[in-house]
Every structure is written in structure tokens, then in C-alpha cells.
Amino acid sequence: MSRSYRVGLIILGVLSVADLASPLITDGQHPPMFIALIGSAFGVISIVLSILAWRGRSAAAVALIAVRLLSALTAVPAFTTPGVPSVPMVLAGVFIALTLAGVIAVLSGFRRVAAASAR
């Protein structure tokens, strides 16, 4: 398992755990509670996929990338909805940036992991 793959999985895993807390930190509007609950569900799924990907399951890594990108998409309305305070906007931007960094790191190390699991 390459270093970039591990770092990417760690980033995506930490974001997954952070998703679990979103219903507890929302004011009900920023993000709306239903978005926070969806994020929490993505967090649970992502934690399971992170563990499986860490153990070398390449299909889990692909699914993890898809789920984390969907989770990041739930943060995009912070930039398109009028009246969103600046703190949630900044947090949404950081969340999206970290998701992209984690995905890129996993993908850059993915080739080696896939080749090793094929043996």
C-alpha cells in the first residue's frame, strides 16, 4: 500500500467521522437538518468502506471515492443559496477541498494497490 493511498484513506476517513457529527452541529438551517442527516449516512457508509479499502479491497476504495464525492456535493448549496453565513461557507469550502485532496491521493496510489491485490 503506497503512502499516498494511506494518506488519502486517512483524509477520507476523518471526513467520514466529521460527517457523523453534522446533525449535532447544525442550527437546522445551515446546513438544513435533512442534509446533515444525509451527510451522517454518507459518513457511516464511508467509515465501513474506508476500513475495507485499508484492508486492500480495491472495490471498496472505488465506492469510497464515489460516496465521498457525493457527500462533498451536498456542501455545494452553501455557495449557491442566498443568506448562508460565512462560517458555514468556509467550512463547506474546506470540506470540499479536503475531499478532493483525499480522492486525488487515493487515486494516485490506487494503481499500486490494485496491482498488488490482483496477485
PDB file of N, CA and C in Angstrom:
ATOM      1  N   MET A   1       0.856  -1.171   0.000  1.00  0.00           N
ATOM      2  CA  MET A   1       0.000   0.000   0.000  1.00  0.00           C
ATOM      3  C   MET A   1       0.903   1.235   0.000  1.00  0.00           C
ATOM      4  N   SER A   2       0.689   2.097  -0.969  1.00  0.00           N
ATOM      5  CA  SER A   2       1.538   3.277  -1.082  1.00  0.00           C
ATOM      6  C   SER A   2       1.181   4.314  -0.016  1.00  0.00           C
ATOM      7  N   ARG A   3       2.131   5.201   0.211  1.00  0.00           N
ATOM      8  CA  ARG A   3       1.936   6.244   1.217  1.00  0.00           C
ATOM      9  C   ARG A   3       0.788   7.180   0.840  1.00  0.00           C
ATOM     10  N   SER A   4       0.712   7.576  -0.435  1.00  0.00           N
ATOM     11  CA  SER A   4      -0.352   8.496  -0.853  1.00  0.00           C
ATOM     12  C   SER A   4      -1.727   7.840  -0.703  1.00  0.00           C
ATOM     13  N   TYR A   5      -1.814   6.557  -0.964  1.00  0.00           N
ATOM     14  CA  TYR A   5      -3.072   5.828  -0.803  1.00  0.00           C
ATOM     15  C   TYR A   5      -3.503   5.849   0.665  1.00  0.00           C
ATOM     16  N   ARG A   6      -2.553   5.575   1.569  1.00  0.00           N
ATOM     17  CA  ARG A   6      -2.860   5.587   3.008  1.00  0.00           C
ATOM     18  C   ARG A   6      -3.270   6.978   3.472  1.00  0.00           C
ATOM     19  N   VAL A   7      -2.531   7.994   3.031  1.00  0.00           N
ATOM     20  CA  VAL A   7      -2.860   9.374   3.419  1.00  0.00           C
ATOM     21  C   VAL A   7      -4.253   9.739   2.910  1.00  0.00           C
ATOM     22  N   GLY A   8      -4.554   9.376   1.680  1.00  0.00           N
ATOM     23  CA  GLY A   8      -5.878   9.647   1.122  1.00  0.00           C
ATOM     24  C   GLY A   8      -6.977   8.957   1.908  1.00  0.00           C
ATOM     25  N   LEU A   9      -6.750   7.696   2.276  1.00  0.00           N
ATOM     26  CA  LEU A   9      -7.745   6.977   3.070  1.00  0.00           C
ATOM     27  C   LEU A   9      -7.931   7.613   4.444  1.00  0.00           C
ATOM     28  N   ILE A  10      -6.846   8.083   5.025  1.00  0.00           N
ATOM     29  CA  ILE A  10      -6.938   8.747   6.330  1.00  0.00           C
ATOM     30  C   ILE A  10      -7.743  10.043   6.209  1.00  0.00           C
ATOM     31  N   ILE A  11      -7.461  10.840   5.188  1.00  0.00           N
ATOM     32  CA  ILE A  11      -8.212  12.089   4.984  1.00  0.00           C
ATOM     33  C   ILE A  11      -9.695  11.784   4.803  1.00  0.00           C
ATOM     34  N   LEU A  12     -10.002  10.824   3.934  1.00  0.00           N
ATOM     35  CA  LEU A  12     -11.404  10.494   3.682  1.00  0.00           C
ATOM     36  C   LEU A  12     -12.062   9.879   4.919  1.00  0.00           C
ATOM     37  N   GLY A  13     -11.289   9.129   5.698  1.00  0.00           N
ATOM     38  CA  GLY A  13     -11.819   8.558   6.932  1.00  0.00           C
ATOM     39  C   GLY A  13     -12.139   9.622   7.963  1.00  0.00           C
ATOM     40  N   VAL A  14     -11.266  10.606   8.103  1.00  0.00           N
ATOM     41  CA  VAL A  14     -11.510  11.703   9.055  1.00  0.00           C
ATOM     42  C   VAL A  14     -12.737  12.514   8.624  1.00  0.00           C
ATOM     43  N   LEU A  15     -12.867  12.759   7.338  1.00  0.00           N
ATOM     44  CA  LEU A  15     -14.053  13.463   6.844  1.00  0.00           C
ATOM     45  C   LEU A  15     -15.319  12.651   7.109  1.00  0.00           C
ATOM     46  N   SER A  16     -15.207  11.331   7.018  1.00  0.00           N
ATOM     47  CA  SER A  16     -16.352  10.460   7.286  1.00  0.00           C
ATOM     48  C   SER A  16     -16.794  10.578   8.737  1.00  0.00           C
ATOM     49  N   VAL A  17     -15.836  10.602   9.645  1.00  0.00           N
ATOM     50  CA  VAL A  17     -16.156  10.758  11.069  1.00  0.00           C
ATOM     51  C   VAL A  17     -16.762  12.142  11.314  1.00  0.00           C
ATOM     52  N   ALA A  18     -16.227  13.155  10.650  1.00  0.00           N
ATOM     53  CA  ALA A  18     -16.772  14.508  10.798  1.00  0.00           C
ATOM     54  C   ALA A  18     -18.217  14.573  10.302  1.00  0.00           C
ATOM     55  N   ASP A  19     -18.529  13.810   9.260  1.00  0.00           N
ATOM     56  CA  ASP A  19     -19.907  13.768   8.765  1.00  0.00           C
ATOM     57  C   ASP A  19     -20.879  13.275   9.827  1.00  0.00           C
ATOM     58  N   LEU A  20     -20.416  12.372  10.669  1.00  0.00           N
ATOM     59  CA  LEU A  20     -21.287  11.832  11.717  1.00  0.00           C
ATOM     60  C   LEU A  20     -21.765  12.923  12.682  1.00  0.00           C
ATOM     61  N   ALA A  21     -20.936  13.925  12.886  1.00  0.00           N
ATOM     62  CA  ALA A  21     -21.265  14.991  13.836  1.00  0.00           C
ATOM     63  C   ALA A  21     -22.153  16.075  13.240  1.00  0.00           C
ATOM     64  N   SER A  22     -22.357  16.081  11.944  1.00  0.00           N
ATOM     65  CA  SER A  22     -23.081  17.192  11.312  1.00  0.00           C
ATOM     66  C   SER A  22     -24.491  17.413  11.866  1.00  0.00           C
ATOM     67  N   PRO A  23     -25.277  16.383  12.217  1.00  0.00           N
ATOM     68  CA  PRO A  23     -26.588  16.692  12.802  1.00  0.00           C
ATOM     69  C   PRO A  23     -26.490  17.374  14.172  1.00  0.00           C
ATOM     70  N   LEU A  24     -25.374  17.180  14.853  1.00  0.00           N
ATOM     71  CA  LEU A  24     -25.203  17.777  16.170  1.00  0.00           C
ATOM     72  C   LEU A  24     -24.767  19.238  16.112  1.00  0.00           C
ATOM     73  N   ILE A  25     -24.138  19.631  15.008  1.00  0.00           N
ATOM     74  CA  ILE A  25     -23.604  20.989  14.929  1.00  0.00           C
ATOM     75  C   ILE A  25     -24.422  21.930  14.052  1.00  0.00           C
ATOM     76  N   THR A  26     -25.430  21.398  13.373  1.00  0.00           N
ATOM     77  CA  THR A  26     -26.236  22.270  12.528  1.00  0.00           C
ATOM     78  C   THR A  26     -27.221  23.086  13.373  1.00  0.00           C
ATOM     79  N   ASP A  27     -27.547  24.254  12.861  1.00  0.00           N
ATOM     80  CA  ASP A  27     -28.582  25.056  13.515  1.00  0.00           C
ATOM     81  C   ASP A  27     -29.953  24.745  12.911  1.00  0.00           C
ATOM     82  N   GLY A  28     -29.991  23.773  12.031  1.00  0.00           N
ATOM     83  CA  GLY A  28     -31.235  23.391  11.376  1.00  0.00           C
ATOM     84  C   GLY A  28     -31.428  24.058  10.030  1.00  0.00           C
ATOM     85  N   GLN A  29     -30.658  25.116   9.793  1.00  0.00           N
ATOM     86  CA  GLN A  29     -30.756  25.839   8.522  1.00  0.00           C
ATOM     87  C   GLN A  29     -29.455  25.783   7.725  1.00  0.00           C
ATOM     88  N   HIS A  30     -28.335  25.756   8.410  1.00  0.00           N
ATOM     89  CA  HIS A  30     -27.022  25.820   7.743  1.00  0.00           C
ATOM     90  C   HIS A  30     -26.117  24.735   8.299  1.00  0.00           C
ATOM     91  N   PRO A  31     -26.088  23.567   7.783  1.00  0.00           N
ATOM     92  CA  PRO A  31     -26.919  23.029   6.708  1.00  0.00           C
ATOM     93  C   PRO A  31     -28.284  22.630   7.235  1.00  0.00           C
ATOM     94  N   PRO A  32     -29.248  22.489   6.329  1.00  0.00           N
ATOM     95  CA  PRO A  32     -30.562  22.003   6.753  1.00  0.00           C
ATOM     96  C   PRO A  32     -30.423  20.612   7.399  1.00  0.00           C
ATOM     97  N   MET A  33     -31.305  20.300   8.304  1.00  0.00           N
ATOM     98  CA  MET A  33     -31.204  19.036   9.037  1.00  0.00           C
ATOM     99  C   MET A  33     -31.216  17.829   8.097  1.00  0.00           C
ATOM    100  N   PHE A  34     -32.020  17.856   7.032  1.00  0.00           N
ATOM    101  CA  PHE A  34     -32.054  16.701   6.141  1.00  0.00           C
ATOM    102  C   PHE A  34     -30.717  16.509   5.429  1.00  0.00           C
ATOM    103  N   ILE A  35     -30.009  17.585   5.131  1.00  0.00           N
ATOM    104  CA  ILE A  35     -28.677  17.476   4.519  1.00  0.00           C
ATOM    105  C   ILE A  35     -27.694  16.928   5.551  1.00  0.00           C
ATOM    106  N   ALA A  36     -27.803  17.377   6.788  1.00  0.00           N
ATOM    107  CA  ALA A  36     -26.930  16.875   7.848  1.00  0.00           C
ATOM    108  C   ALA A  36     -27.154  15.380   8.069  1.00  0.00           C
ATOM    109  N   LEU A  37     -28.397  14.939   8.001  1.00  0.00           N
ATOM    110  CA  LEU A  37     -28.691  13.511   8.171  1.00  0.00           C
ATOM    111  C   LEU A  37     -28.187  12.687   6.990  1.00  0.00           C
ATOM    112  N   ILE A  38     -28.311  13.228   5.797  1.00  0.00           N
ATOM    113  CA  ILE A  38     -27.759  12.547   4.616  1.00  0.00           C
ATOM    114  C   ILE A  38     -26.240  12.452   4.760  1.00  0.00           C
ATOM    115  N   GLY A  39     -25.616  13.538   5.184  1.00  0.00           N
ATOM    116  CA  GLY A  39     -24.169  13.527   5.403  1.00  0.00           C
ATOM    117  C   GLY A  39     -23.763  12.496   6.439  1.00  0.00           C
ATOM    118  N   SER A  40     -24.566  12.360   7.473  1.00  0.00           N
ATOM    119  CA  SER A  40     -24.288  11.373   8.509  1.00  0.00           C
ATOM    120  C   SER A  40     -24.366   9.955   7.947  1.00  0.00           C
ATOM    121  N   ALA A  41     -25.356   9.701   7.121  1.00  0.00           N
ATOM    122  CA  ALA A  41     -25.469   8.389   6.476  1.00  0.00           C
ATOM    123  C   ALA A  41     -24.263   8.129   5.581  1.00  0.00           C
ATOM    124  N   PHE A  42     -23.855   9.146   4.818  1.00  0.00           N
ATOM    125  CA  PHE A  42     -22.644   9.009   3.997  1.00  0.00           C
ATOM    126  C   PHE A  42     -21.432   8.723   4.874  1.00  0.00           C
ATOM    127  N   GLY A  43     -21.392   9.335   6.047  1.00  0.00           N
ATOM    128  CA  GLY A  43     -20.284   9.121   6.972  1.00  0.00           C
ATOM    129  C   GLY A  43     -20.192   7.680   7.432  1.00  0.00           C
ATOM    130  N   VAL A  44     -21.324   7.091   7.804  1.00  0.00           N
ATOM    131  CA  VAL A  44     -21.337   5.692   8.255  1.00  0.00           C
ATOM    132  C   VAL A  44     -20.882   4.764   7.127  1.00  0.00           C
ATOM    133  N   ILE A  45     -21.453   4.974   5.946  1.00  0.00           N
ATOM    134  CA  ILE A  45     -21.078   4.145   4.797  1.00  0.00           C
ATOM    135  C   ILE A  45     -19.591   4.306   4.498  1.00  0.00           C
ATOM    136  N   SER A  46     -19.107   5.533   4.547  1.00  0.00           N
ATOM    137  CA  SER A  46     -17.707   5.808   4.229  1.00  0.00           C
ATOM    138  C   SER A  46     -16.745   5.195   5.237  1.00  0.00           C
ATOM    139  N   ILE A  47     -17.128   5.164   6.502  1.00  0.00           N
ATOM    140  CA  ILE A  47     -16.249   4.551   7.507  1.00  0.00           C
ATOM    141  C   ILE A  47     -16.077   3.069   7.213  1.00  0.00           C
ATOM    142  N   VAL A  48     -17.170   2.397   6.899  1.00  0.00           N
ATOM    143  CA  VAL A  48     -17.091   0.970   6.557  1.00  0.00           C
ATOM    144  C   VAL A  48     -16.223   0.773   5.316  1.00  0.00           C
ATOM    145  N   LEU A  49     -16.451   1.590   4.297  1.00  0.00           N
ATOM    146  CA  LEU A  49     -15.663   1.471   3.064  1.00  0.00           C
ATOM    147  C   LEU A  49     -14.195   1.800   3.299  1.00  0.00           C
ATOM    148  N   SER A  50     -13.907   2.766   4.180  1.00  0.00           N
ATOM    149  CA  SER A  50     -12.516   3.114   4.491  1.00  0.00           C
ATOM    150  C   SER A  50     -11.785   1.929   5.111  1.00  0.00           C
ATOM    151  N   ILE A  51     -12.461   1.246   6.024  1.00  0.00           N
ATOM    152  CA  ILE A  51     -11.850   0.079   6.668  1.00  0.00           C
ATOM    153  C   ILE A  51     -11.581  -1.016   5.641  1.00  0.00           C
ATOM    154  N   LEU A  52     -12.561  -1.269   4.785  1.00  0.00           N
ATOM    155  CA  LEU A  52     -12.380  -2.296   3.754  1.00  0.00           C
ATOM    156  C   LEU A  52     -11.271  -1.911   2.774  1.00  0.00           C
ATOM    157  N   ALA A  53     -11.226  -0.635   2.390  1.00  0.00           N
ATOM    158  CA  ALA A  53     -10.177  -0.177   1.464  1.00  0.00           C
ATOM    159  C   ALA A  53      -8.805  -0.278   2.125  1.00  0.00           C
ATOM    160  N   TRP A  54      -8.733   0.022   3.421  1.00  0.00           N
ATOM    161  CA  TRP A  54      -7.461  -0.079   4.148  1.00  0.00           C
ATOM    162  C   TRP A  54      -6.956  -1.521   4.141  1.00  0.00           C
ATOM    163  N   ARG A  55      -7.881  -2.452   4.167  1.00  0.00           N
ATOM    164  CA  ARG A  55      -7.537  -3.877   4.153  1.00  0.00           C
ATOM    165  C   ARG A  55      -7.223  -4.393   2.754  1.00  0.00           C
ATOM    166  N   GLY A  56      -7.259  -3.500   1.760  1.00  0.00           N
ATOM    167  CA  GLY A  56      -6.825  -3.860   0.419  1.00  0.00           C
ATOM    168  C   GLY A  56      -7.919  -4.155  -0.585  1.00  0.00           C
ATOM    169  N   ARG A  57      -9.135  -3.895  -0.246  1.00  0.00           N
ATOM    170  CA  ARG A  57     -10.246  -4.138  -1.180  1.00  0.00           C
ATOM    171  C   ARG A  57     -10.368  -2.961  -2.138  1.00  0.00           C
ATOM    172  N   SER A  58      -9.973  -3.172  -3.371  1.00  0.00           N
ATOM    173  CA  SER A  58      -9.963  -2.071  -4.340  1.00  0.00           C
ATOM    174  C   SER A  58     -11.378  -1.607  -4.686  1.00  0.00           C
ATOM    175  N   ALA A  59     -12.356  -2.523  -4.710  1.00  0.00           N
ATOM    176  CA  ALA A  59     -13.735  -2.109  -4.985  1.00  0.00           C
ATOM    177  C   ALA A  59     -14.249  -1.178  -3.897  1.00  0.00           C
ATOM    178  N   ALA A  60     -13.829  -1.409  -2.661  1.00  0.00           N
ATOM    179  CA  ALA A  60     -14.234  -0.530  -1.556  1.00  0.00           C
ATOM    180  C   ALA A  60     -13.628   0.861  -1.733  1.00  0.00           C
ATOM    181  N   ALA A  61     -12.401   0.928  -2.231  1.00  0.00           N
ATOM    182  CA  ALA A  61     -11.764   2.232  -2.461  1.00  0.00           C
ATOM    183  C   ALA A  61     -12.520   3.014  -3.536  1.00  0.00           C
ATOM    184  N   VAL A  62     -12.940   2.341  -4.584  1.00  0.00           N
ATOM    185  CA  VAL A  62     -13.703   3.000  -5.650  1.00  0.00           C
ATOM    186  C   VAL A  62     -15.046   3.487  -5.100  1.00  0.00           C
ATOM    187  N   ALA A  63     -15.724   2.638  -4.329  1.00  0.00           N
ATOM    188  CA  ALA A  63     -17.005   3.031  -3.733  1.00  0.00           C
ATOM    189  C   ALA A  63     -16.815   4.178  -2.743  1.00  0.00           C
ATOM    190  N   LEU A  64     -15.731   4.144  -1.979  1.00  0.00           N
ATOM    191  CA  LEU A  64     -15.439   5.216  -1.028  1.00  0.00           C
ATOM    192  C   LEU A  64     -15.280   6.543  -1.752  1.00  0.00           C
ATOM    193  N   ILE A  65     -14.561   6.545  -2.843  1.00  0.00           N
ATOM    194  CA  ILE A  65     -14.382   7.774  -3.628  1.00  0.00           C
ATOM    195  C   ILE A  65     -15.741   8.296  -4.090  1.00  0.00           C
ATOM    196  N   ALA A  66     -16.592   7.413  -4.588  1.00  0.00           N
ATOM    197  CA  ALA A  66     -17.913   7.833  -5.076  1.00  0.00           C
ATOM    198  C   ALA A  66     -18.755   8.414  -3.935  1.00  0.00           C
ATOM    199  N   VAL A  67     -18.771   7.748  -2.789  1.00  0.00           N
ATOM    200  CA  VAL A  67     -19.583   8.226  -1.665  1.00  0.00           C
ATOM    201  C   VAL A  67     -19.053   9.553  -1.137  1.00  0.00           C
ATOM    202  N   ARG A  68     -17.734   9.700  -1.026  1.00  0.00           N
ATOM    203  CA  ARG A  68     -17.169  10.947  -0.515  1.00  0.00           C
ATOM    204  C   ARG A  68     -17.425  12.098  -1.487  1.00  0.00           C
ATOM    205  N   LEU A  69     -17.391  11.839  -2.799  1.00  0.00           N
ATOM    206  CA  LEU A  69     -17.689  12.899  -3.761  1.00  0.00           C
ATOM    207  C   LEU A  69     -19.164  13.299  -3.681  1.00  0.00           C
ATOM    208  N   LEU A  70     -20.056  12.321  -3.486  1.00  0.00           N
ATOM    209  CA  LEU A  70     -21.471  12.651  -3.292  1.00  0.00           C
ATOM    210  C   LEU A  70     -21.662  13.483  -2.024  1.00  0.00           C
ATOM    211  N   SER A  71     -20.941  13.123  -0.978  1.00  0.00           N
ATOM    212  CA  SER A  71     -21.020  13.881   0.263  1.00  0.00           C
ATOM    213  C   SER A  71     -20.541  15.317   0.048  1.00  0.00           C
ATOM    214  N   ALA A  72     -19.469  15.474  -0.698  1.00  0.00           N
ATOM    215  CA  ALA A  72     -18.957  16.825  -0.976  1.00  0.00           C
ATOM    216  C   ALA A  72     -19.965  17.630  -1.784  1.00  0.00           C
ATOM    217  N   LEU A  73     -20.697  16.971  -2.667  1.00  0.00           N
ATOM    218  CA  LEU A  73     -21.709  17.678  -3.456  1.00  0.00           C
ATOM    219  C   LEU A  73     -22.820  18.254  -2.577  1.00  0.00           C
ATOM    220  N   THR A  74     -23.060  17.634  -1.430  1.00  0.00           N
ATOM    221  CA  THR A  74     -24.098  18.176  -0.541  1.00  0.00           C
ATOM    222  C   THR A  74     -23.675  19.510   0.070  1.00  0.00           C
ATOM    223  N   ALA A  75     -22.382  19.844  -0.017  1.00  0.00           N
ATOM    224  CA  ALA A  75     -21.895  21.119   0.520  1.00  0.00           C
ATOM    225  C   ALA A  75     -21.968  22.251  -0.506  1.00  0.00           C
ATOM    226  N   VAL A  76     -22.153  21.934  -1.761  1.00  0.00           N
ATOM    227  CA  VAL A  76     -22.164  22.951  -2.821  1.00  0.00           C
ATOM    228  C   VAL A  76     -23.274  23.991  -2.633  1.00  0.00           C
ATOM    229  N   PRO A  77     -24.483  23.612  -2.170  1.00  0.00           N
ATOM    230  CA  PRO A  77     -25.519  24.643  -1.994  1.00  0.00           C
ATOM    231  C   PRO A  77     -25.132  25.768  -1.032  1.00  0.00           C
ATOM    232  N   ALA A  78     -24.131  25.569  -0.211  1.00  0.00           N
ATOM    233  CA  ALA A  78     -23.682  26.657   0.665  1.00  0.00           C
ATOM    234  C   ALA A  78     -23.222  27.863  -0.151  1.00  0.00           C
ATOM    235  N   PHE A  79     -22.788  27.612  -1.389  1.00  0.00           N
ATOM    236  CA  PHE A  79     -22.297  28.697  -2.241  1.00  0.00           C
ATOM    237  C   PHE A  79     -23.376  29.238  -3.174  1.00  0.00           C
ATOM    238  N   THR A  80     -24.461  28.505  -3.339  1.00  0.00           N
ATOM    239  CA  THR A  80     -25.498  28.927  -4.282  1.00  0.00           C
ATOM    240  C   THR A  80     -26.771  29.402  -3.602  1.00  0.00           C
ATOM    241  N   THR A  81     -26.911  29.128  -2.315  1.00  0.00           N
ATOM    242  CA  THR A  81     -28.104  29.535  -1.571  1.00  0.00           C
ATOM    243  C   THR A  81     -27.853  30.905  -0.936  1.00  0.00           C
ATOM    244  N   PRO A  82     -28.737  31.860  -1.186  1.00  0.00           N
ATOM    245  CA  PRO A  82     -28.543  33.181  -0.576  1.00  0.00           C
ATOM    246  C   PRO A  82     -28.748  33.130   0.941  1.00  0.00           C
ATOM    247  N   GLY A  83     -27.991  33.957   1.640  1.00  0.00           N
ATOM    248  CA  GLY A  83     -28.159  34.106   3.065  1.00  0.00           C
ATOM    249  C   GLY A  83     -27.367  33.143   3.932  1.00  0.00           C
ATOM    250  N   VAL A  84     -26.512  32.338   3.328  1.00  0.00           N
ATOM    251  CA  VAL A  84     -25.694  31.412   4.119  1.00  0.00           C
ATOM    252  C   VAL A  84     -24.578  32.218   4.786  1.00  0.00           C
ATOM    253  N   PRO A  85     -24.437  32.114   6.106  1.00  0.00           N
ATOM    254  CA  PRO A  85     -23.370  32.846   6.798  1.00  0.00           C
ATOM    255  C   PRO A  85     -21.983  32.409   6.324  1.00  0.00           C
ATOM    256  N   SER A  86     -21.004  33.252   6.573  1.00  0.00           N
ATOM    257  CA  SER A  86     -19.653  32.988   6.059  1.00  0.00           C
ATOM    258  C   SER A  86     -18.986  31.773   6.693  1.00  0.00           C
ATOM    259  N   VAL A  87     -19.232  31.498   7.973  1.00  0.00           N
ATOM    260  CA  VAL A  87     -18.578  30.359   8.627  1.00  0.00           C
ATOM    261  C   VAL A  87     -18.982  29.038   7.967  1.00  0.00           C
ATOM    262  N   PRO A  88     -20.289  28.773   7.766  1.00  0.00           N
ATOM    263  CA  PRO A  88     -20.639  27.536   7.065  1.00  0.00           C
ATOM    264  C   PRO A  88     -20.095  27.477   5.636  1.00  0.00           C
ATOM    265  N   MET A  89     -20.003  28.637   4.985  1.00  0.00           N
ATOM    266  CA  MET A  89     -19.435  28.648   3.629  1.00  0.00           C
ATOM    267  C   MET A  89     -17.970  28.250   3.650  1.00  0.00           C
ATOM    268  N   VAL A  90     -17.218  28.792   4.603  1.00  0.00           N
ATOM    269  CA  VAL A  90     -15.797  28.448   4.716  1.00  0.00           C
ATOM    270  C   VAL A  90     -15.641  26.959   5.037  1.00  0.00           C
ATOM    271  N   LEU A  91     -16.441  26.466   5.973  1.00  0.00           N
ATOM    272  CA  LEU A  91     -16.380  25.048   6.327  1.00  0.00           C
ATOM    273  C   LEU A  91     -16.725  24.163   5.136  1.00  0.00           C
ATOM    274  N   ALA A  92     -17.717  24.562   4.356  1.00  0.00           N
ATOM    275  CA  ALA A  92     -18.076  23.805   3.154  1.00  0.00           C
ATOM    276  C   ALA A  92     -16.914  23.798   2.159  1.00  0.00           C
ATOM    277  N   GLY A  93     -16.263  24.934   1.989  1.00  0.00           N
ATOM    278  CA  GLY A  93     -15.114  25.005   1.081  1.00  0.00           C
ATOM    279  C   GLY A  93     -13.962  24.127   1.542  1.00  0.00           C
ATOM    280  N   VAL A  94     -13.682  24.147   2.836  1.00  0.00           N
ATOM    281  CA  VAL A  94     -12.619  23.299   3.384  1.00  0.00           C
ATOM    282  C   VAL A  94     -12.976  21.828   3.207  1.00  0.00           C
ATOM    283  N   PHE A  95     -14.230  21.486   3.477  1.00  0.00           N
ATOM    284  CA  PHE A  95     -14.715  20.118   3.325  1.00  0.00           C
ATOM    285  C   PHE A  95     -14.544  19.635   1.884  1.00  0.00           C
ATOM    286  N   ILE A  96     -14.930  20.463   0.926  1.00  0.00           N
ATOM    287  CA  ILE A  96     -14.804  20.096  -0.487  1.00  0.00           C
ATOM    288  C   ILE A  96     -13.335  19.962  -0.870  1.00  0.00           C
ATOM    289  N   ALA A  97     -12.501  20.903  -0.443  1.00  0.00           N
ATOM    290  CA  ALA A  97     -11.072  20.859  -0.780  1.00  0.00           C
ATOM    291  C   ALA A  97     -10.397  19.619  -0.193  1.00  0.00           C
ATOM    292  N   LEU A  98     -10.702  19.303   1.061  1.00  0.00           N
ATOM    293  CA  LEU A  98     -10.110  18.110   1.679  1.00  0.00           C
ATOM    294  C   LEU A  98     -10.605  16.830   1.004  1.00  0.00           C
ATOM    295  N   THR A  99     -11.861  16.827   0.604  1.00  0.00           N
ATOM    296  CA  THR A  99     -12.388  15.661  -0.117  1.00  0.00           C
ATOM    297  C   THR A  99     -11.629  15.463  -1.422  1.00  0.00           C
ATOM    298  N   LEU A 100     -11.442  16.537  -2.169  1.00  0.00           N
ATOM    299  CA  LEU A 100     -10.709  16.425  -3.431  1.00  0.00           C
ATOM    300  C   LEU A 100      -9.269  15.995  -3.200  1.00  0.00           C
ATOM    301  N   ALA A 101      -8.634  16.515  -2.162  1.00  0.00           N
ATOM    302  CA  ALA A 101      -7.255  16.112  -1.843  1.00  0.00           C
ATOM    303  C   ALA A 101      -7.198  14.631  -1.491  1.00  0.00           C
ATOM    304  N   GLY A 102      -8.153  14.150  -0.698  1.00  0.00           N
ATOM    305  CA  GLY A 102      -8.189  12.742  -0.331  1.00  0.00           C
ATOM    306  C   GLY A 102      -8.432  11.847  -1.530  1.00  0.00           C
ATOM    307  N   VAL A 103      -9.352  12.246  -2.382  1.00  0.00           N
ATOM    308  CA  VAL A 103      -9.648  11.462  -3.587  1.00  0.00           C
ATOM    309  C   VAL A 103      -8.429  11.394  -4.496  1.00  0.00           C
ATOM    310  N   ILE A 104      -7.768  12.515  -4.700  1.00  0.00           N
ATOM    311  CA  ILE A 104      -6.571  12.536  -5.560  1.00  0.00           C
ATOM    312  C   ILE A 104      -5.480  11.656  -4.973  1.00  0.00           C
ATOM    313  N   ALA A 105      -5.284  11.713  -3.663  1.00  0.00           N
ATOM    314  CA  ALA A 105      -4.256  10.889  -3.022  1.00  0.00           C
ATOM    315  C   ALA A 105      -4.576   9.408  -3.154  1.00  0.00           C
ATOM    316  N   VAL A 106      -5.832   9.031  -2.960  1.00  0.00           N
ATOM    317  CA  VAL A 106      -6.207   7.620  -3.111  1.00  0.00           C
ATOM    318  C   VAL A 106      -6.009   7.175  -4.554  1.00  0.00           C
ATOM    319  N   LEU A 107      -6.454   8.001  -5.490  1.00  0.00           N
ATOM    320  CA  LEU A 107      -6.306   7.631  -6.904  1.00  0.00           C
ATOM    321  C   LEU A 107      -4.845   7.521  -7.324  1.00  0.00           C
ATOM    322  N   SER A 108      -4.004   8.391  -6.798  1.00  0.00           N
ATOM    323  CA  SER A 108      -2.589   8.337  -7.189  1.00  0.00           C
ATOM    324  C   SER A 108      -1.913   7.074  -6.676  1.00  0.00           C
ATOM    325  N   GLY A 109      -2.361   6.555  -5.548  1.00  0.00           N
ATOM    326  CA  GLY A 109      -1.792   5.318  -5.035  1.00  0.00           C
ATOM    327  C   GLY A 109      -2.594   4.085  -5.393  1.00  0.00           C
ATOM    328  N   PHE A 110      -3.726   4.278  -6.042  1.00  0.00           N
ATOM    329  CA  PHE A 110      -4.634   3.179  -6.341  1.00  0.00           C
ATOM    330  C   PHE A 110      -4.037   2.158  -7.290  1.00  0.00           C
ATOM    331  N   ARG A 111      -3.293   2.589  -8.260  1.00  0.00           N
ATOM    332  CA  ARG A 111      -2.735   1.675  -9.258  1.00  0.00           C
ATOM    333  C   ARG A 111      -1.885   0.599  -8.592  1.00  0.00           C
ATOM    334  N   ARG A 112      -1.071   0.986  -7.640  1.00  0.00           N
ATOM    335  CA  ARG A 112      -0.209   0.023  -6.942  1.00  0.00           C
ATOM    336  C   ARG A 112      -1.027  -0.950  -6.108  1.00  0.00           C
ATOM    337  N   VAL A 113      -2.062  -0.443  -5.458  1.00  0.00           N
ATOM    338  CA  VAL A 113      -2.890  -1.311  -4.609  1.00  0.00           C
ATOM    339  C   VAL A 113      -3.657  -2.305  -5.477  1.00  0.00           C
ATOM    340  N   ALA A 114      -4.194  -1.836  -6.586  1.00  0.00           N
ATOM    341  CA  ALA A 114      -4.946  -2.723  -7.481  1.00  0.00           C
ATOM    342  C   ALA A 114      -4.035  -3.796  -8.051  1.00  0.00           C
ATOM    343  N   ALA A 115      -2.811  -3.430  -8.398  1.00  0.00           N
ATOM    344  CA  ALA A 115      -1.872  -4.414  -8.943  1.00  0.00           C
ATOM    345  C   ALA A 115      -1.486  -5.435  -7.878  1.00  0.00           C
ATOM    346  N   ALA A 116      -1.317  -4.994  -6.657  1.00  0.00           N
ATOM    347  CA  ALA A 116      -0.939  -5.905  -5.574  1.00  0.00           C
ATOM    348  C   ALA A 116      -2.081  -6.855  -5.228  1.00  0.00           C
ATOM    349  N   SER A 117      -3.325  -6.375  -5.272  1.00  0.00           N
ATOM    350  CA  SER A 117      -4.458  -7.237  -4.921  1.00  0.00           C
ATOM    351  C   SER A 117      -4.771  -8.220  -6.040  1.00  0.00           C
ATOM    352  N   ALA A 118      -4.313  -7.941  -7.264  1.00  0.00           N
ATOM    353  CA  ALA A 118      -4.551  -8.848  -8.393  1.00  0.00           C
ATOM    354  C   ALA A 118      -3.635 -10.073  -8.326  1.00  0.00           C
ATOM    355  N   ARG A 119      -2.589  -9.975  -7.546  1.00  0.00           N
ATOM    356  CA  ARG A 119      -1.637 -11.097  -7.458  1.00  0.00           C
ATOM    357  C   ARG A 119      -2.163 -12.225  -6.692  1.00  0.00           C
TER     358      ARG A 119
END
